[in-house]
Amino acid sequence: MAPSTDATAAPSAGGSGEVIKIVSSLPRTGSSKGQTDTIVNAIQQRLAEANNQVCDGQFTLEYEDMDDATAAAGKWDAAQEASNANSAAADEDVMVYIGTFNSGAAQISIPILNQAGLVMISPANTYPGLTKPGKGDEGEPEKYFPTGKPNYTRVVPADDLQGAAAANFAQSIDITKVYILDDTELYGKGIADVFEATATEIGIEVVGRDSIDGKAADYRALAAKILDAAPDMVYYGGITQNNAGQLWKDIRGEGFEGAMMGPDGIAETAFLEAAGDAAEGTYTTFGGLPGDQLEGAGAEWYASYTAEFGTVEPYTSYGYEAANVAIAAIESVCQKDRAAILDAVFATKDFEGILGTWSFDENGDTSLTAMSVSQVKGDAFEFIEVTE
């Protein structure tokens, strides 16, 4: 089914009483749920800290947790994301859309919400072409903004930074030959492309490049092909939900003893569960810092969150920061007005949040550039270093 981009253009002011709604659209079904549970917890935590109100009680904040995944897909679904975006656009009380989690889903909803003048704040999208001219496919990102005015922001650094950081780290651990895989999705292929370009530029030999079928029963033939190419490292650009666990099991099962690495798309508990013992030693990059590495207000937040909810996932803090920015923007205008709130979000400068002090640029990208590298040891990701 082709997703609709016909949004109901909501008026800039109006709705029922003094309610302002913040919605999120995240994959709440399938193995991403463990990650997104923590994002939703963090959003609700920030709203609770504000007593679910803004502007000295002038407006009551309501929150709706939307699922953009389906049981049939086991991950995000284009038609479901389009439905969520159209629903939010048509609801005159909705002033902020926190999402999406997957970059491919953002391609669907940005144009819908753009026509409705509704600001998006993503806690997790990292594909560069959503915001950065010249960093994605032809026509990106302009084609996502039919009104001509961007409405999309993200609080996490993009993959043009993460993919390069991963290749540079590989070189730092003496990798000279790499075999690159991707899951064909916008995010996975995009970050694999950046990794490949950077690896080639810095002198790492790319001995193979393949895309995988995320629904394949096994990858033994591919694993044999990889062994024949004799790389020092296998790099996978993709997400856990596209069968990364089976991929790891088969590559290790065929006898590959070199390094294995992936991006933030596998930096989650779901990957450890899916890959089992084959995950041991895997390097992962993440566009930012793990929660337990945050300082100042971030360290205070980490202590508060873990005391109330337990373990954090990589994007937990970014869910909190997305809500943090949304509330600050609403507070700065104290109007139930999508255009005013959108402008206020884009005007975010020197914001003192839990991630540090940062700003949005004119494209909606964060000024934060720190990347972190971790390694799987036992049943956890162990932080190694920060890289830029």
Protein backbone atom coordinates (compact mmCIF):
# COMPACT_ATOMS: atom_id res chain seq x y z
CA MET A 1 0.00 0.00 0.00
CA ALA A 2 1.38 3.40 -0.92
CA PRO A 3 1.32 5.70 2.10
CA SER A 4 -0.85 8.76 1.78
CA THR A 5 0.73 12.17 1.97
CA ASP A 6 -2.60 13.99 2.08
CA ALA A 7 -2.57 15.51 5.54
CA THR A 8 -5.42 17.44 6.99
CA ALA A 9 -3.98 20.92 7.38
CA ALA A 10 -4.83 21.82 10.94
CA PRO A 11 -5.33 25.48 11.80
CA SER A 12 -2.46 27.07 13.69
CA ALA A 13 -4.61 27.61 16.78
CA GLY A 14 -7.70 25.99 18.18
CA GLY A 15 -8.64 22.57 19.54
CA SER A 16 -10.40 21.47 22.68
CA GLY A 17 -9.91 23.80 25.61
CA GLU A 18 -6.41 24.34 26.96
CA VAL A 19 -4.91 20.95 26.11
CA ILE A 20 -1.64 20.67 24.21
CA LYS A 21 -0.80 17.18 23.00
CA ILE A 22 2.63 15.74 22.39
CA VAL A 23 2.63 12.46 20.48
CA SER A 24 5.38 10.01 19.72
CA SER A 25 5.52 7.52 16.85
CA LEU A 26 7.90 4.65 17.53
CA PRO A 27 8.02 0.88 16.89
CA ARG A 28 6.20 -0.47 19.95
CA THR A 29 5.71 -3.98 18.52
CA GLY A 30 8.52 -6.44 17.82
CA SER A 31 12.05 -6.54 19.18
CA SER A 32 12.45 -2.74 19.10
CA LYS A 33 9.97 -2.54 21.97
CA GLY A 34 12.65 -2.97 24.62
CA GLN A 35 14.44 0.10 23.28
CA THR A 36 11.31 2.18 22.71
CA ASP A 37 9.84 1.31 26.11
CA THR A 38 12.70 3.29 27.61
CA ILE A 39 12.19 6.22 25.22
CA VAL A 40 8.52 6.40 26.16
CA ASN A 41 9.43 6.16 29.86
CA ALA A 42 11.83 9.06 29.44
CA ILE A 43 9.26 11.21 27.61
CA GLN A 44 6.70 10.55 30.33
CA GLN A 45 9.33 11.23 32.99
CA ARG A 46 9.98 14.69 31.54
CA LEU A 47 6.27 15.49 31.32
CA ALA A 48 5.78 14.36 34.91
CA GLU A 49 8.59 16.67 36.01
CA ALA A 50 6.60 19.51 34.44
CA ASN A 51 3.48 18.30 36.29
CA ASN A 52 1.97 17.77 32.85
CA GLN A 53 1.47 21.48 32.38
CA VAL A 54 3.22 24.50 30.87
CA CYS A 55 3.04 28.28 31.03
CA ASP A 56 2.04 28.43 34.71
CA GLY A 57 -0.85 26.05 34.17
CA GLN A 58 -2.25 27.82 31.12
CA PHE A 59 -1.99 24.57 29.16
CA THR A 60 -2.30 20.94 30.23
CA LEU A 61 0.08 18.56 28.50
CA GLU A 62 -1.29 15.28 27.20
CA TYR A 63 0.83 12.54 25.68
CA GLU A 64 -0.07 9.82 23.19
CA ASP A 65 2.20 6.84 22.55
CA MET A 66 1.70 5.74 18.90
CA ASP A 67 2.99 2.45 17.48
CA ASP A 68 4.38 2.60 13.93
CA ALA A 69 5.17 -1.13 13.85
CA THR A 70 2.91 -4.07 13.07
CA ALA A 71 2.95 -7.63 14.31
CA ALA A 72 3.05 -8.87 10.72
CA ALA A 73 6.20 -6.89 9.91
CA GLY A 74 7.80 -7.27 13.31
CA LYS A 75 9.19 -3.77 12.86
CA TRP A 76 8.13 -0.34 11.58
CA ASP A 77 5.63 -0.31 8.75
CA ALA A 78 5.27 2.42 6.13
CA ALA A 79 1.47 2.35 6.02
CA GLN A 80 1.24 2.44 9.82
CA GLU A 81 3.64 5.38 10.04
CA ALA A 82 1.60 7.24 7.42
CA SER A 83 -1.56 6.54 9.42
CA ASN A 84 0.04 7.87 12.60
CA ALA A 85 1.24 11.02 10.87
CA ASN A 86 -2.14 11.70 9.26
CA SER A 87 -3.88 11.16 12.61
CA ALA A 88 -1.55 13.58 14.38
CA ALA A 89 -1.86 16.15 11.60
CA ALA A 90 -5.67 16.05 11.82
CA ASP A 91 -5.75 16.42 15.62
CA GLU A 92 -5.81 20.16 16.34
CA ASP A 93 -4.50 19.60 19.86
CA VAL A 94 -1.24 17.99 18.66
CA MET A 95 1.60 20.52 18.67
CA VAL A 96 4.69 18.26 18.67
CA TYR A 97 5.45 14.88 17.03
CA ILE A 98 8.35 13.03 18.65
CA GLY A 99 9.64 10.54 16.11
CA THR A 100 10.51 8.63 14.27
CA PHE A 101 12.84 5.87 15.47
CA ASN A 102 13.73 4.50 12.01
CA SER A 103 14.98 6.84 9.30
CA GLY A 104 12.89 5.12 6.62
CA ALA A 105 9.77 5.87 8.64
CA ALA A 106 10.72 9.54 8.76
CA GLN A 107 10.73 9.66 4.96
CA ILE A 108 7.06 8.74 5.11
CA SER A 109 5.88 11.11 7.82
CA ILE A 110 7.94 14.25 7.29
CA PRO A 111 6.01 15.39 4.17
CA ILE A 112 2.65 14.64 5.81
CA LEU A 113 3.49 16.62 8.92
CA ASN A 114 5.18 19.34 6.90
CA GLN A 115 1.90 20.07 5.13
CA ALA A 116 0.26 20.38 8.54
CA GLY A 117 2.95 22.70 9.91
CA LEU A 118 3.68 20.21 12.70
CA VAL A 119 7.19 20.07 14.13
CA MET A 120 9.00 16.74 14.42
CA ILE A 121 11.74 16.02 16.93
CA SER A 122 13.44 12.68 16.36
CA PRO A 123 15.30 10.95 19.18
CA ALA A 124 16.93 8.40 16.90
CA ASN A 125 16.94 9.08 13.12
CA THR A 126 20.47 9.27 11.76
CA TYR A 127 20.23 9.09 7.94
CA PRO A 128 21.98 12.28 6.70
CA GLY A 129 19.67 12.90 3.74
CA LEU A 130 16.75 13.79 6.00
CA THR A 131 18.39 17.13 6.81
CA LYS A 132 21.69 17.65 5.02
CA PRO A 133 21.85 18.92 1.42
CA GLY A 134 24.36 16.94 -0.63
CA LYS A 135 24.66 14.13 1.92
CA GLY A 136 21.88 11.89 0.62
CA ASP A 137 20.08 11.12 -2.62
CA GLU A 138 19.24 13.67 -5.28
CA GLY A 139 16.49 16.02 -4.13
CA GLU A 140 17.08 15.38 -0.43
CA PRO A 141 16.15 16.87 1.93
CA GLU A 142 14.09 19.42 -0.02
CA LYS A 143 11.65 16.81 -1.31
CA TYR A 144 10.49 16.09 2.22
CA PHE A 145 9.31 19.66 2.75
CA PRO A 146 6.51 20.40 0.24
CA THR A 147 5.72 23.72 1.92
CA GLY A 148 9.32 24.84 1.42
CA LYS A 149 9.79 25.30 5.17
CA PRO A 150 11.54 22.51 7.13
CA ASN A 151 9.65 21.08 10.10
CA TYR A 152 12.02 18.25 11.05
CA THR A 153 14.71 18.20 13.74
CA ARG A 154 16.74 15.54 15.52
CA VAL A 155 18.62 15.52 18.80
CA VAL A 156 21.09 12.81 17.71
CA PRO A 157 24.06 13.29 15.32
CA ALA A 158 23.71 11.90 11.80
CA ASP A 159 25.40 8.94 10.11
CA ASP A 160 27.82 10.99 8.04
CA LEU A 161 29.57 11.46 11.37
CA GLN A 162 28.93 7.97 12.77
CA GLY A 163 29.98 6.02 9.67
CA ALA A 164 33.21 7.95 9.41
CA ALA A 165 33.93 7.52 13.12
CA ALA A 166 33.44 3.75 12.78
CA ALA A 167 35.94 3.51 9.92
CA ASN A 168 38.48 5.62 11.79
CA PHE A 169 38.09 3.41 14.85
CA ALA A 170 38.59 0.31 12.69
CA GLN A 171 41.87 1.76 11.46
CA SER A 172 42.90 2.52 15.04
CA ILE A 173 42.66 -1.20 15.92
CA ASP A 174 44.78 -2.11 12.87
CA ILE A 175 42.03 -3.27 10.53
CA THR A 176 43.39 -3.34 6.97
CA LYS A 177 40.71 -5.34 5.10
CA VAL A 178 36.96 -5.14 5.63
CA TYR A 179 33.88 -6.86 4.21
CA ILE A 180 30.81 -4.59 4.30
CA LEU A 181 27.19 -5.69 4.58
CA ASP A 182 23.93 -3.73 4.71
CA ASP A 183 20.26 -4.54 5.24
CA THR A 184 19.05 -2.51 2.20
CA GLU A 185 17.08 -0.05 4.35
CA LEU A 186 17.64 3.69 4.10
CA TYR A 187 19.49 3.80 7.41
CA GLY A 188 21.57 0.65 6.98
CA LYS A 189 22.66 1.21 3.40
CA GLY A 190 23.35 4.85 4.13
CA ILE A 191 25.69 4.25 7.04
CA ALA A 192 27.41 1.38 5.20
CA ASP A 193 28.03 3.73 2.27
CA VAL A 194 29.63 6.30 4.57
CA PHE A 195 31.73 3.63 6.26
CA GLU A 196 32.89 2.32 2.87
CA ALA A 197 33.78 5.78 1.54
CA THR A 198 35.75 6.66 4.66
CA ALA A 199 37.47 3.28 4.83
CA THR A 200 38.60 3.61 1.22
CA GLU A 201 39.79 7.16 1.82
CA ILE A 202 41.95 6.21 4.80
CA GLY A 203 43.46 3.14 3.16
CA ILE A 204 41.38 0.22 4.45
CA GLU A 205 40.80 -2.27 1.63
CA VAL A 206 37.15 -3.15 1.01
CA VAL A 207 37.29 -6.81 -0.04
CA GLY A 208 33.54 -7.25 -0.47
CA ARG A 209 30.14 -5.56 -0.25
CA ASP A 210 26.77 -7.28 -0.10
CA SER A 211 23.20 -6.55 0.91
CA ILE A 212 21.31 -9.13 2.95
CA ASP A 213 17.73 -10.34 2.86
CA GLY A 214 16.44 -9.58 6.34
CA LYS A 215 14.03 -12.51 6.13
CA ALA A 216 16.49 -15.18 4.99
CA ALA A 217 16.52 -18.46 6.89
CA ASP A 218 20.30 -18.45 7.10
CA TYR A 219 23.43 -16.73 5.77
CA ARG A 220 25.83 -19.66 5.55
CA ALA A 221 26.59 -19.16 1.84
CA LEU A 222 27.34 -15.50 2.48
CA ALA A 223 29.48 -16.43 5.47
CA ALA A 224 31.52 -18.81 3.30
CA LYS A 225 32.00 -16.04 0.74
CA ILE A 226 33.20 -13.71 3.49
CA LEU A 227 35.71 -16.29 4.73
CA ASP A 228 37.09 -16.69 1.20
CA ALA A 229 37.67 -12.92 1.03
CA ALA A 230 39.71 -13.08 4.26
CA PRO A 231 38.82 -9.71 5.82
CA ASP A 232 40.07 -8.55 9.22
CA MET A 233 36.61 -7.17 9.98
CA VAL A 234 33.00 -7.57 8.92
CA TYR A 235 31.01 -4.33 9.13
CA TYR A 236 27.21 -4.47 9.06
CA GLY A 237 25.11 -1.40 8.35
CA GLY A 238 21.62 -2.18 9.56
CA ILE A 239 19.25 -2.88 12.41
CA THR A 240 18.74 -5.84 14.70
CA GLN A 241 15.24 -6.38 13.33
CA ASN A 242 16.57 -7.36 9.89
CA ASN A 243 17.91 -10.66 11.20
CA ALA A 244 21.25 -9.39 12.49
CA GLY A 245 21.30 -12.06 15.17
CA GLN A 246 21.15 -14.91 12.63
CA LEU A 247 23.72 -13.13 10.47
CA TRP A 248 26.16 -13.01 13.38
CA LYS A 249 25.51 -16.65 14.30
CA ASP A 250 26.18 -17.86 10.77
CA ILE A 251 29.31 -15.77 10.21
CA ARG A 252 30.79 -16.92 13.50
CA GLY A 253 29.47 -20.43 12.94
CA GLU A 254 31.35 -20.72 9.65
CA GLY A 255 34.57 -19.98 11.52
CA PHE A 256 35.19 -16.26 11.05
CA GLU A 257 37.47 -15.12 13.86
CA GLY A 258 38.05 -11.50 12.86
CA ALA A 259 36.43 -8.38 14.27
CA MET A 260 32.75 -7.64 13.76
CA MET A 261 31.23 -4.20 13.96
CA GLY A 262 27.89 -2.47 13.57
CA PRO A 263 26.25 0.90 14.19
CA ASP A 264 23.69 2.07 16.73
CA GLY A 265 21.07 -0.01 14.92
CA ILE A 266 22.38 -3.06 16.77
CA ALA A 267 23.48 -1.31 19.97
CA GLU A 268 20.58 -2.67 21.97
CA THR A 269 19.65 -5.53 24.25
CA ALA A 270 17.54 -7.08 21.48
CA PHE A 271 20.72 -7.69 19.45
CA LEU A 272 22.45 -9.42 22.36
CA GLU A 273 19.43 -11.68 22.77
CA ALA A 274 19.18 -12.42 19.05
CA ALA A 275 22.88 -13.11 18.44
CA GLY A 276 23.59 -14.93 21.69
CA ASP A 277 27.20 -15.98 22.15
CA ALA A 278 28.02 -14.84 18.61
CA ALA A 279 27.68 -11.23 19.77
CA GLU A 280 30.73 -11.51 22.04
CA GLY A 281 33.43 -9.02 21.10
CA THR A 282 31.26 -7.06 18.65
CA TYR A 283 32.14 -3.39 18.35
CA THR A 284 29.31 -0.87 18.07
CA THR A 285 29.21 2.85 17.47
CA PHE A 286 26.59 5.21 18.75
CA GLY A 287 25.83 8.80 17.78
CA GLY A 288 26.31 10.26 21.21
CA LEU A 289 27.16 9.02 24.67
CA PRO A 290 25.74 6.11 26.67
CA GLY A 291 23.58 7.25 29.57
CA ASP A 292 26.14 6.24 32.16
CA GLN A 293 28.77 8.46 30.50
CA LEU A 294 26.74 11.68 30.73
CA GLU A 295 27.92 14.41 33.07
CA GLY A 296 26.30 17.21 35.06
CA ALA A 297 22.56 17.36 34.42
CA GLY A 298 22.91 14.18 32.37
CA ALA A 299 24.39 12.27 35.30
CA GLU A 300 21.57 13.52 37.53
CA TRP A 301 19.02 12.39 34.96
CA TYR A 302 20.69 8.96 34.67
CA ALA A 303 20.51 8.44 38.42
CA SER A 304 16.87 9.53 38.49
CA TYR A 305 15.85 7.39 35.52
CA THR A 306 17.57 4.21 36.68
CA ALA A 307 16.13 4.61 40.17
CA GLU A 308 12.60 4.77 38.75
CA PHE A 309 12.74 2.56 35.68
CA GLY A 310 15.93 0.49 35.78
CA THR A 311 18.21 -0.09 32.81
CA VAL A 312 18.65 2.48 30.06
CA GLU A 313 19.07 1.73 26.36
CA PRO A 314 21.20 3.87 24.01
CA TYR A 315 18.35 6.18 22.97
CA THR A 316 16.69 6.61 26.36
CA SER A 317 18.38 9.93 27.06
CA TYR A 318 17.51 11.18 23.58
CA GLY A 319 13.83 10.50 24.21
CA TYR A 320 14.06 12.62 27.34
CA GLU A 321 15.90 15.39 25.49
CA ALA A 322 13.32 15.44 22.69
CA ALA A 323 10.57 16.01 25.26
CA ASN A 324 12.80 18.51 27.04
CA VAL A 325 13.17 20.60 23.86
CA ALA A 326 9.47 20.33 23.10
CA ILE A 327 8.47 21.64 26.52
CA ALA A 328 11.04 24.44 26.36
CA ALA A 329 9.73 25.54 22.96
CA ILE A 330 6.12 25.56 24.15
CA GLU A 331 7.12 27.48 27.29
CA SER A 332 8.95 30.06 25.20
CA VAL A 333 5.83 31.04 23.22
CA CYS A 334 2.93 30.03 25.49
CA GLN A 335 0.66 29.73 22.48
CA LYS A 336 -1.30 26.81 21.13
CA ASP A 337 0.10 27.54 17.71
CA ARG A 338 1.94 25.03 15.56
CA ALA A 339 3.82 27.64 13.55
CA ALA A 340 5.05 29.45 16.66
CA ILE A 341 6.14 26.21 18.34
CA LEU A 342 7.87 24.99 15.18
CA ASP A 343 9.82 28.26 14.96
CA ALA A 344 10.70 28.03 18.65
CA VAL A 345 12.09 24.52 18.25
CA PHE A 346 14.27 25.60 15.32
CA ALA A 347 15.40 28.60 17.35
CA THR A 348 16.88 26.31 20.03
CA LYS A 349 20.33 27.74 20.80
CA ASP A 350 22.77 26.97 23.63
CA PHE A 351 20.19 24.66 25.14
CA GLU A 352 21.32 23.35 28.51
CA GLY A 353 19.93 19.84 28.45
CA ILE A 354 20.98 16.47 29.78
CA LEU A 355 23.16 15.87 26.70
CA GLY A 356 25.18 19.02 27.36
CA THR A 357 24.87 22.51 25.91
CA TRP A 358 23.87 22.38 22.26
CA SER A 359 21.91 24.05 19.46
CA PHE A 360 19.89 23.19 16.36
CA ASP A 361 21.33 24.48 13.08
CA GLU A 362 19.22 25.79 10.20
CA ASN A 363 18.73 22.23 8.92
CA GLY A 364 17.41 20.95 12.24
CA ASP A 365 20.60 19.08 13.13
CA THR A 366 22.15 19.11 16.57
CA SER A 367 25.50 20.79 17.14
CA LEU A 368 26.60 17.77 19.18
CA THR A 369 29.16 15.63 17.33
CA ALA A 370 30.59 13.22 19.92
CA MET A 371 30.44 9.53 18.98
CA SER A 372 31.05 6.61 21.29
CA VAL A 373 32.43 3.13 20.69
CA SER A 374 31.48 0.14 22.83
CA GLN A 375 32.20 -3.58 22.75
CA VAL A 376 30.03 -6.53 23.71
CA LYS A 377 31.39 -8.31 26.76
CA GLY A 378 29.15 -10.93 28.25
CA ASP A 379 25.58 -9.66 28.29
CA ALA A 380 26.39 -5.95 28.08
CA PHE A 381 27.92 -3.22 25.93
CA GLU A 382 31.12 -1.99 27.57
CA PHE A 383 32.06 1.61 26.79
CA ILE A 384 35.49 1.99 25.15
CA GLU A 385 35.97 5.59 24.04
CA VAL A 386 34.54 8.83 22.72
CA THR A 387 35.51 9.78 19.20
CA GLU A 388 34.61 12.72 16.97
